[in-house]
Amino acid sequence: MTSKVTEESLGYEQARDELIEVVRRLEAGGTTLEESLALWERGEELAKVCRRWLDGARARLDAALAEEEQEGSAAGAAGDGE
């Protein structure tokens, strides 16, 4: 099992690539039950890392869009008075 420090230091692409490899190994079969369970657990951890990255990216995009919308509304309101 991987420590939290290692999980938190993984970038999105690293976690995604490792998750792809875990899925490939599980789909290929030929592993023991214990190995399969360990792979499954690792896959779950990696999926959570990816989800956190994607959620963070979505929040940043939403914030940028909201800021842009506010600036556009403020500029439009300032122009209405002239």
PDB file of N, CA and C in Angstrom:
ATOM      1  N   MET A   1       0.836  -1.175   0.000  1.00  0.00           N
ATOM      2  CA  MET A   1       0.000   0.000   0.000  1.00  0.00           C
ATOM      3  C   MET A   1       0.886   1.245   0.000  1.00  0.00           C
ATOM      4  N   THR A   2       0.383   2.324  -0.583  1.00  0.00           N
ATOM      5  CA  THR A   2       1.169   3.540  -0.737  1.00  0.00           C
ATOM      6  C   THR A   2       0.830   4.530   0.356  1.00  0.00           C
ATOM      7  N   SER A   3       1.830   5.280   0.800  1.00  0.00           N
ATOM      8  CA  SER A   3       1.596   6.267   1.844  1.00  0.00           C
ATOM      9  C   SER A   3       0.868   7.475   1.274  1.00  0.00           C
ATOM     10  N   LYS A   4       0.241   8.254   2.161  1.00  0.00           N
ATOM     11  CA  LYS A   4      -0.473   9.464   1.749  1.00  0.00           C
ATOM     12  C   LYS A   4       0.474  10.457   1.092  1.00  0.00           C
ATOM     13  N   VAL A   5       1.698  10.548   1.581  1.00  0.00           N
ATOM     14  CA  VAL A   5       2.664  11.489   1.013  1.00  0.00           C
ATOM     15  C   VAL A   5       2.895  11.168  -0.461  1.00  0.00           C
ATOM     16  N   THR A   6       3.070   9.895  -0.774  1.00  0.00           N
ATOM     17  CA  THR A   6       3.292   9.500  -2.160  1.00  0.00           C
ATOM     18  C   THR A   6       2.059   9.787  -3.001  1.00  0.00           C
ATOM     19  N   GLU A   7       0.872   9.470  -2.480  1.00  0.00           N
ATOM     20  CA  GLU A   7      -0.363   9.740  -3.213  1.00  0.00           C
ATOM     21  C   GLU A   7      -0.509  11.221  -3.513  1.00  0.00           C
ATOM     22  N   GLU A   8      -0.249  12.060  -2.521  1.00  0.00           N
ATOM     23  CA  GLU A   8      -0.422  13.490  -2.694  1.00  0.00           C
ATOM     24  C   GLU A   8       0.614  14.081  -3.636  1.00  0.00           C
ATOM     25  N   SER A   9       1.748  13.422  -3.784  1.00  0.00           N
ATOM     26  CA  SER A   9       2.783  13.958  -4.659  1.00  0.00           C
ATOM     27  C   SER A   9       2.600  13.517  -6.106  1.00  0.00           C
ATOM     28  N   LEU A  10       1.674  12.589  -6.345  1.00  0.00           N
ATOM     29  CA  LEU A  10       1.426  12.129  -7.708  1.00  0.00           C
ATOM     30  C   LEU A  10       0.694  13.201  -8.505  1.00  0.00           C
ATOM     31  N   GLY A  11       1.186  13.462  -9.697  1.00  0.00           N
ATOM     32  CA  GLY A  11       0.467  14.339 -10.603  1.00  0.00           C
ATOM     33  C   GLY A  11      -0.660  13.568 -11.255  1.00  0.00           C
ATOM     34  N   TYR A  12      -1.565  14.293 -11.902  1.00  0.00           N
ATOM     35  CA  TYR A  12      -2.704  13.644 -12.543  1.00  0.00           C
ATOM     36  C   TYR A  12      -2.245  12.616 -13.573  1.00  0.00           C
ATOM     37  N   GLU A  13      -1.324  13.022 -14.441  1.00  0.00           N
ATOM     38  CA  GLU A  13      -0.883  12.120 -15.509  1.00  0.00           C
ATOM     39  C   GLU A  13      -0.210  10.868 -14.960  1.00  0.00           C
ATOM     40  N   GLN A  14       0.581  11.030 -13.896  1.00  0.00           N
ATOM     41  CA  GLN A  14       1.232   9.876 -13.276  1.00  0.00           C
ATOM     42  C   GLN A  14       0.200   8.911 -12.706  1.00  0.00           C
ATOM     43  N   ALA A  15      -0.774   9.456 -11.985  1.00  0.00           N
ATOM     44  CA  ALA A  15      -1.811   8.612 -11.383  1.00  0.00           C
ATOM     45  C   ALA A  15      -2.639   7.932 -12.462  1.00  0.00           C
ATOM     46  N   ARG A  16      -2.989   8.677 -13.508  1.00  0.00           N
ATOM     47  CA  ARG A  16      -3.779   8.109 -14.609  1.00  0.00           C
ATOM     48  C   ARG A  16      -3.021   6.977 -15.294  1.00  0.00           C
ATOM     49  N   ASP A  17      -1.742   7.211 -15.582  1.00  0.00           N
ATOM     50  CA  ASP A  17      -0.949   6.192 -16.264  1.00  0.00           C
ATOM     51  C   ASP A  17      -0.808   4.930 -15.412  1.00  0.00           C
ATOM     52  N   GLU A  18      -0.586   5.113 -14.111  1.00  0.00           N
ATOM     53  CA  GLU A  18      -0.474   3.945 -13.236  1.00  0.00           C
ATOM     54  C   GLU A  18      -1.818   3.227 -13.135  1.00  0.00           C
ATOM     55  N   LEU A  19      -2.906   3.980 -13.099  1.00  0.00           N
ATOM     56  CA  LEU A  19      -4.235   3.381 -13.051  1.00  0.00           C
ATOM     57  C   LEU A  19      -4.505   2.563 -14.315  1.00  0.00           C
ATOM     58  N   ILE A  20      -4.103   3.079 -15.460  1.00  0.00           N
ATOM     59  CA  ILE A  20      -4.257   2.338 -16.714  1.00  0.00           C
ATOM     60  C   ILE A  20      -3.499   1.011 -16.641  1.00  0.00           C
ATOM     61  N   GLU A  21      -2.307   1.050 -16.082  1.00  0.00           N
ATOM     62  CA  GLU A  21      -1.505  -0.166 -15.949  1.00  0.00           C
ATOM     63  C   GLU A  21      -2.162  -1.154 -14.984  1.00  0.00           C
ATOM     64  N   VAL A  22      -2.710  -0.665 -13.892  1.00  0.00           N
ATOM     65  CA  VAL A  22      -3.401  -1.530 -12.934  1.00  0.00           C
ATOM     66  C   VAL A  22      -4.587  -2.211 -13.615  1.00  0.00           C
ATOM     67  N   VAL A  23      -5.376  -1.451 -14.348  1.00  0.00           N
ATOM     68  CA  VAL A  23      -6.537  -2.021 -15.044  1.00  0.00           C
ATOM     69  C   VAL A  23      -6.077  -3.064 -16.067  1.00  0.00           C
ATOM     70  N   ARG A  24      -5.024  -2.743 -16.798  1.00  0.00           N
ATOM     71  CA  ARG A  24      -4.507  -3.684 -17.794  1.00  0.00           C
ATOM     72  C   ARG A  24      -4.124  -5.002 -17.139  1.00  0.00           C
ATOM     73  N   ARG A  25      -3.432  -4.914 -16.003  1.00  0.00           N
ATOM     74  CA  ARG A  25      -2.996  -6.135 -15.305  1.00  0.00           C
ATOM     75  C   ARG A  25      -4.184  -6.930 -14.779  1.00  0.00           C
ATOM     76  N   LEU A  26      -5.193  -6.227 -14.262  1.00  0.00           N
ATOM     77  CA  LEU A  26      -6.375  -6.928 -13.763  1.00  0.00           C
ATOM     78  C   LEU A  26      -7.133  -7.606 -14.904  1.00  0.00           C
ATOM     79  N   GLU A  27      -7.251  -6.914 -16.026  1.00  0.00           N
ATOM     80  CA  GLU A  27      -7.962  -7.486 -17.166  1.00  0.00           C
ATOM     81  C   GLU A  27      -7.217  -8.665 -17.777  1.00  0.00           C
ATOM     82  N   ALA A  28      -5.891  -8.626 -17.716  1.00  0.00           N
ATOM     83  CA  ALA A  28      -5.089  -9.711 -18.284  1.00  0.00           C
ATOM     84  C   ALA A  28      -5.238 -10.998 -17.476  1.00  0.00           C
ATOM     85  N   GLY A  29      -5.534 -10.855 -16.193  1.00  0.00           N
ATOM     86  CA  GLY A  29      -5.685 -12.037 -15.342  1.00  0.00           C
ATOM     87  C   GLY A  29      -4.332 -12.642 -15.020  1.00  0.00           C
ATOM     88  N   GLY A  30      -4.363 -13.868 -14.543  1.00  0.00           N
ATOM     89  CA  GLY A  30      -3.130 -14.566 -14.230  1.00  0.00           C
ATOM     90  C   GLY A  30      -2.507 -14.163 -12.908  1.00  0.00           C
ATOM     91  N   THR A  31      -3.217 -13.371 -12.109  1.00  0.00           N
ATOM     92  CA  THR A  31      -2.694 -12.991 -10.798  1.00  0.00           C
ATOM     93  C   THR A  31      -3.444 -13.774  -9.727  1.00  0.00           C
ATOM     94  N   THR A  32      -2.816 -13.897  -8.600  1.00  0.00           N
ATOM     95  CA  THR A  32      -3.465 -14.577  -7.488  1.00  0.00           C
ATOM     96  C   THR A  32      -4.561 -13.670  -6.925  1.00  0.00           C
ATOM     97  N   LEU A  33      -5.401 -14.253  -6.098  1.00  0.00           N
ATOM     98  CA  LEU A  33      -6.459 -13.471  -5.460  1.00  0.00           C
ATOM     99  C   LEU A  33      -5.854 -12.329  -4.649  1.00  0.00           C
ATOM    100  N   GLU A  34      -4.807 -12.631  -3.911  1.00  0.00           N
ATOM    101  CA  GLU A  34      -4.162 -11.609  -3.078  1.00  0.00           C
ATOM    102  C   GLU A  34      -3.587 -10.474  -3.939  1.00  0.00           C
ATOM    103  N   GLU A  35      -2.937 -10.825  -5.041  1.00  0.00           N
ATOM    104  CA  GLU A  35      -2.388  -9.814  -5.957  1.00  0.00           C
ATOM    105  C   GLU A  35      -3.509  -8.995  -6.583  1.00  0.00           C
ATOM    106  N   SER A  36      -4.572  -9.650  -6.968  1.00  0.00           N
ATOM    107  CA  SER A  36      -5.711  -8.954  -7.567  1.00  0.00           C
ATOM    108  C   SER A  36      -6.327  -7.957  -6.591  1.00  0.00           C
ATOM    109  N   LEU A  37      -6.467  -8.381  -5.338  1.00  0.00           N
ATOM    110  CA  LEU A  37      -7.008  -7.474  -4.322  1.00  0.00           C
ATOM    111  C   LEU A  37      -6.099  -6.270  -4.099  1.00  0.00           C
ATOM    112  N   ALA A  38      -4.804  -6.518  -4.065  1.00  0.00           N
ATOM    113  CA  ALA A  38      -3.851  -5.418  -3.890  1.00  0.00           C
ATOM    114  C   ALA A  38      -3.920  -4.455  -5.086  1.00  0.00           C
ATOM    115  N   LEU A  39      -4.026  -5.006  -6.283  1.00  0.00           N
ATOM    116  CA  LEU A  39      -4.156  -4.161  -7.473  1.00  0.00           C
ATOM    117  C   LEU A  39      -5.453  -3.355  -7.429  1.00  0.00           C
ATOM    118  N   TRP A  40      -6.527  -4.001  -7.034  1.00  0.00           N
ATOM    119  CA  TRP A  40      -7.818  -3.318  -6.940  1.00  0.00           C
ATOM    120  C   TRP A  40      -7.734  -2.148  -5.955  1.00  0.00           C
ATOM    121  N   GLU A  41      -7.149  -2.406  -4.782  1.00  0.00           N
ATOM    122  CA  GLU A  41      -7.010  -1.350  -3.775  1.00  0.00           C
ATOM    123  C   GLU A  41      -6.166  -0.200  -4.304  1.00  0.00           C
ATOM    124  N   ARG A  42      -5.081  -0.523  -4.976  1.00  0.00           N
ATOM    125  CA  ARG A  42      -4.229   0.521  -5.556  1.00  0.00           C
ATOM    126  C   ARG A  42      -5.001   1.309  -6.618  1.00  0.00           C
ATOM    127  N   GLY A  43      -5.776   0.599  -7.414  1.00  0.00           N
ATOM    128  CA  GLY A  43      -6.588   1.264  -8.424  1.00  0.00           C
ATOM    129  C   GLY A  43      -7.580   2.229  -7.806  1.00  0.00           C
ATOM    130  N   GLU A  44      -8.196   1.828  -6.704  1.00  0.00           N
ATOM    131  CA  GLU A  44      -9.127   2.715  -6.007  1.00  0.00           C
ATOM    132  C   GLU A  44      -8.416   3.976  -5.503  1.00  0.00           C
ATOM    133  N   GLU A  45      -7.220   3.796  -4.943  1.00  0.00           N
ATOM    134  CA  GLU A  45      -6.444   4.944  -4.459  1.00  0.00           C
ATOM    135  C   GLU A  45      -6.101   5.885  -5.619  1.00  0.00           C
ATOM    136  N   LEU A  46      -5.657   5.304  -6.726  1.00  0.00           N
ATOM    137  CA  LEU A  46      -5.285   6.113  -7.887  1.00  0.00           C
ATOM    138  C   LEU A  46      -6.488   6.833  -8.476  1.00  0.00           C
ATOM    139  N   ALA A  47      -7.632   6.175  -8.503  1.00  0.00           N
ATOM    140  CA  ALA A  47      -8.851   6.809  -8.999  1.00  0.00           C
ATOM    141  C   ALA A  47      -9.219   8.013  -8.133  1.00  0.00           C
ATOM    142  N   LYS A  48      -9.032   7.904  -6.820  1.00  0.00           N
ATOM    143  CA  LYS A  48      -9.309   9.027  -5.918  1.00  0.00           C
ATOM    144  C   LYS A  48      -8.359  10.185  -6.185  1.00  0.00           C
ATOM    145  N   VAL A  49      -7.088   9.869  -6.436  1.00  0.00           N
ATOM    146  CA  VAL A  49      -6.110  10.916  -6.754  1.00  0.00           C
ATOM    147  C   VAL A  49      -6.534  11.638  -8.029  1.00  0.00           C
ATOM    148  N   CYS A  50      -6.903  10.875  -9.046  1.00  0.00           N
ATOM    149  CA  CYS A  50      -7.346  11.476 -10.312  1.00  0.00           C
ATOM    150  C   CYS A  50      -8.584  12.330 -10.102  1.00  0.00           C
ATOM    151  N   ARG A  51      -9.524  11.833  -9.329  1.00  0.00           N
ATOM    152  CA  ARG A  51     -10.770  12.576  -9.065  1.00  0.00           C
ATOM    153  C   ARG A  51     -10.466  13.894  -8.358  1.00  0.00           C
ATOM    154  N   ARG A  52      -9.547  13.880  -7.384  1.00  0.00           N
ATOM    155  CA  ARG A  52      -9.191  15.125  -6.689  1.00  0.00           C
ATOM    156  C   ARG A  52      -8.597  16.132  -7.662  1.00  0.00           C
ATOM    157  N   TRP A  53      -7.715  15.659  -8.552  1.00  0.00           N
ATOM    158  CA  TRP A  53      -7.124  16.557  -9.549  1.00  0.00           C
ATOM    159  C   TRP A  53      -8.204  17.131 -10.460  1.00  0.00           C
ATOM    160  N   LEU A  54      -9.103  16.287 -10.926  1.00  0.00           N
ATOM    161  CA  LEU A  54     -10.154  16.748 -11.832  1.00  0.00           C
ATOM    162  C   LEU A  54     -11.134  17.691 -11.135  1.00  0.00           C
ATOM    163  N   ASP A  55     -11.469  17.397  -9.884  1.00  0.00           N
ATOM    164  CA  ASP A  55     -12.342  18.289  -9.125  1.00  0.00           C
ATOM    165  C   ASP A  55     -11.683  19.641  -8.915  1.00  0.00           C
ATOM    166  N   GLY A  56     -10.385  19.628  -8.626  1.00  0.00           N
ATOM    167  CA  GLY A  56      -9.655  20.884  -8.457  1.00  0.00           C
ATOM    168  C   GLY A  56      -9.601  21.692  -9.745  1.00  0.00           C
ATOM    169  N   ALA A  57      -9.389  21.005 -10.855  1.00  0.00           N
ATOM    170  CA  ALA A  57      -9.358  21.691 -12.148  1.00  0.00           C
ATOM    171  C   ALA A  57     -10.723  22.293 -12.457  1.00  0.00           C
ATOM    172  N   ARG A  58     -11.796  21.542 -12.169  1.00  0.00           N
ATOM    173  CA  ARG A  58     -13.154  22.049 -12.404  1.00  0.00           C
ATOM    174  C   ARG A  58     -13.422  23.282 -11.555  1.00  0.00           C
ATOM    175  N   ALA A  59     -13.005  23.266 -10.303  1.00  0.00           N
ATOM    176  CA  ALA A  59     -13.212  24.414  -9.417  1.00  0.00           C
ATOM    177  C   ALA A  59     -12.459  25.640  -9.940  1.00  0.00           C
ATOM    178  N   ARG A  60     -11.246  25.432 -10.424  1.00  0.00           N
ATOM    179  CA  ARG A  60     -10.470  26.550 -10.966  1.00  0.00           C
ATOM    180  C   ARG A  60     -11.126  27.120 -12.217  1.00  0.00           C
ATOM    181  N   LEU A  61     -11.631  26.245 -13.082  1.00  0.00           N
ATOM    182  CA  LEU A  61     -12.325  26.708 -14.287  1.00  0.00           C
ATOM    183  C   LEU A  61     -13.594  27.464 -13.926  1.00  0.00           C
ATOM    184  N   ASP A  62     -14.358  26.924 -13.003  1.00  0.00           N
ATOM    185  CA  ASP A  62     -15.592  27.592 -12.581  1.00  0.00           C
ATOM    186  C   ASP A  62     -15.302  28.973 -11.994  1.00  0.00           C
ATOM    187  N   ALA A  63     -14.246  29.061 -11.181  1.00  0.00           N
ATOM    188  CA  ALA A  63     -13.878  30.343 -10.586  1.00  0.00           C
ATOM    189  C   ALA A  63     -13.449  31.336 -11.658  1.00  0.00           C
ATOM    190  N   ALA A  64     -12.673  30.889 -12.627  1.00  0.00           N
ATOM    191  CA  ALA A  64     -12.223  31.770 -13.704  1.00  0.00           C
ATOM    192  C   ALA A  64     -13.405  32.238 -14.541  1.00  0.00           C
ATOM    193  N   LEU A  65     -14.338  31.342 -14.837  1.00  0.00           N
ATOM    194  CA  LEU A  65     -15.518  31.718 -15.613  1.00  0.00           C
ATOM    195  C   LEU A  65     -16.403  32.694 -14.847  1.00  0.00           C
ATOM    196  N   ALA A  66     -16.567  32.473 -13.558  1.00  0.00           N
ATOM    197  CA  ALA A  66     -17.365  33.376 -12.729  1.00  0.00           C
ATOM    198  C   ALA A  66     -16.720  34.755 -12.668  1.00  0.00           C
ATOM    199  N   GLU A  67     -15.402  34.795 -12.536  1.00  0.00           N
ATOM    200  CA  GLU A  67     -14.684  36.066 -12.494  1.00  0.00           C
ATOM    201  C   GLU A  67     -14.841  36.799 -13.825  1.00  0.00           C
ATOM    202  N   GLU A  68     -14.713  36.080 -14.914  1.00  0.00           N
ATOM    203  CA  GLU A  68     -14.858  36.679 -16.241  1.00  0.00           C
ATOM    204  C   GLU A  68     -16.273  37.225 -16.426  1.00  0.00           C
ATOM    205  N   GLU A  69     -17.264  36.471 -15.943  1.00  0.00           N
ATOM    206  CA  GLU A  69     -18.653  36.896 -16.047  1.00  0.00           C
ATOM    207  C   GLU A  69     -18.902  38.153 -15.229  1.00  0.00           C
ATOM    208  N   GLN A  70     -18.333  38.218 -14.021  1.00  0.00           N
ATOM    209  CA  GLN A  70     -18.471  39.394 -13.180  1.00  0.00           C
ATOM    210  C   GLN A  70     -17.833  40.608 -13.808  1.00  0.00           C
ATOM    211  N   GLU A  71     -16.655  40.422 -14.391  1.00  0.00           N
ATOM    212  CA  GLU A  71     -15.971  41.538 -15.040  1.00  0.00           C
ATOM    213  C   GLU A  71     -16.773  42.015 -16.238  1.00  0.00           C
ATOM    214  N   GLY A  72     -17.352  41.076 -16.985  1.00  0.00           N
ATOM    215  CA  GLY A  72     -18.182  41.441 -18.127  1.00  0.00           C
ATOM    216  C   GLY A  72     -19.435  42.191 -17.708  1.00  0.00           C
ATOM    217  N   SER A  73     -20.061  41.779 -16.609  1.00  0.00           N
ATOM    218  CA  SER A  73     -21.252  42.451 -16.097  1.00  0.00           C
ATOM    219  C   SER A  73     -20.909  43.845 -15.591  1.00  0.00           C
ATOM    220  N   ALA A  74     -19.778  43.975 -14.923  1.00  0.00           N
ATOM    221  CA  ALA A  74     -19.358  45.276 -14.395  1.00  0.00           C
ATOM    222  C   ALA A  74     -19.046  46.232 -15.538  1.00  0.00           C
ATOM    223  N   ALA A  75     -18.403  45.743 -16.572  1.00  0.00           N
ATOM    224  CA  ALA A  75     -18.059  46.585 -17.729  1.00  0.00           C
ATOM    225  C   ALA A  75     -19.323  47.007 -18.456  1.00  0.00           C
ATOM    226  N   GLY A  76     -20.284  46.104 -18.559  1.00  0.00           N
ATOM    227  CA  GLY A  76     -21.550  46.417 -19.228  1.00  0.00           C
ATOM    228  C   GLY A  76     -22.351  47.430 -18.442  1.00  0.00           C
ATOM    229  N   ALA A  77     -22.360  47.312 -17.123  1.00  0.00           N
ATOM    230  CA  ALA A  77     -23.097  48.236 -16.271  1.00  0.00           C
ATOM    231  C   ALA A  77     -22.450  49.613 -16.297  1.00  0.00           C
ATOM    232  N   ALA A  78     -21.154  49.685 -16.359  1.00  0.00           N
ATOM    233  CA  ALA A  78     -20.452  50.972 -16.402  1.00  0.00           C
ATOM    234  C   ALA A  78     -20.733  51.678 -17.720  1.00  0.00           C
ATOM    235  N   GLY A  79     -20.880  50.931 -18.777  1.00  0.00           N
ATOM    236  CA  GLY A  79     -21.135  51.514 -20.086  1.00  0.00           C
ATOM    237  C   GLY A  79     -22.577  51.970 -20.249  1.00  0.00           C
ATOM    238  N   ASP A  80     -23.517  51.468 -19.461  1.00  0.00           N
ATOM    239  CA  ASP A  80     -24.918  51.812 -19.580  1.00  0.00           C
ATOM    240  C   ASP A  80     -25.213  53.250 -19.136  1.00  0.00           C
ATOM    241  N   GLY A  81     -24.440  53.781 -18.228  1.00  0.00           N
ATOM    242  CA  GLY A  81     -24.680  55.098 -17.685  1.00  0.00           C
ATOM    243  C   GLY A  81     -24.236  56.229 -18.573  1.00  0.00           C
ATOM    244  N   GLU A  82     -23.531  55.937 -19.622  1.00  0.00           N
ATOM    245  CA  GLU A  82     -22.979  57.020 -20.454  1.00  0.00           C
ATOM    246  C   GLU A  82     -23.883  57.361 -21.573  1.00  0.00           C
TER     247      GLU A  82
END
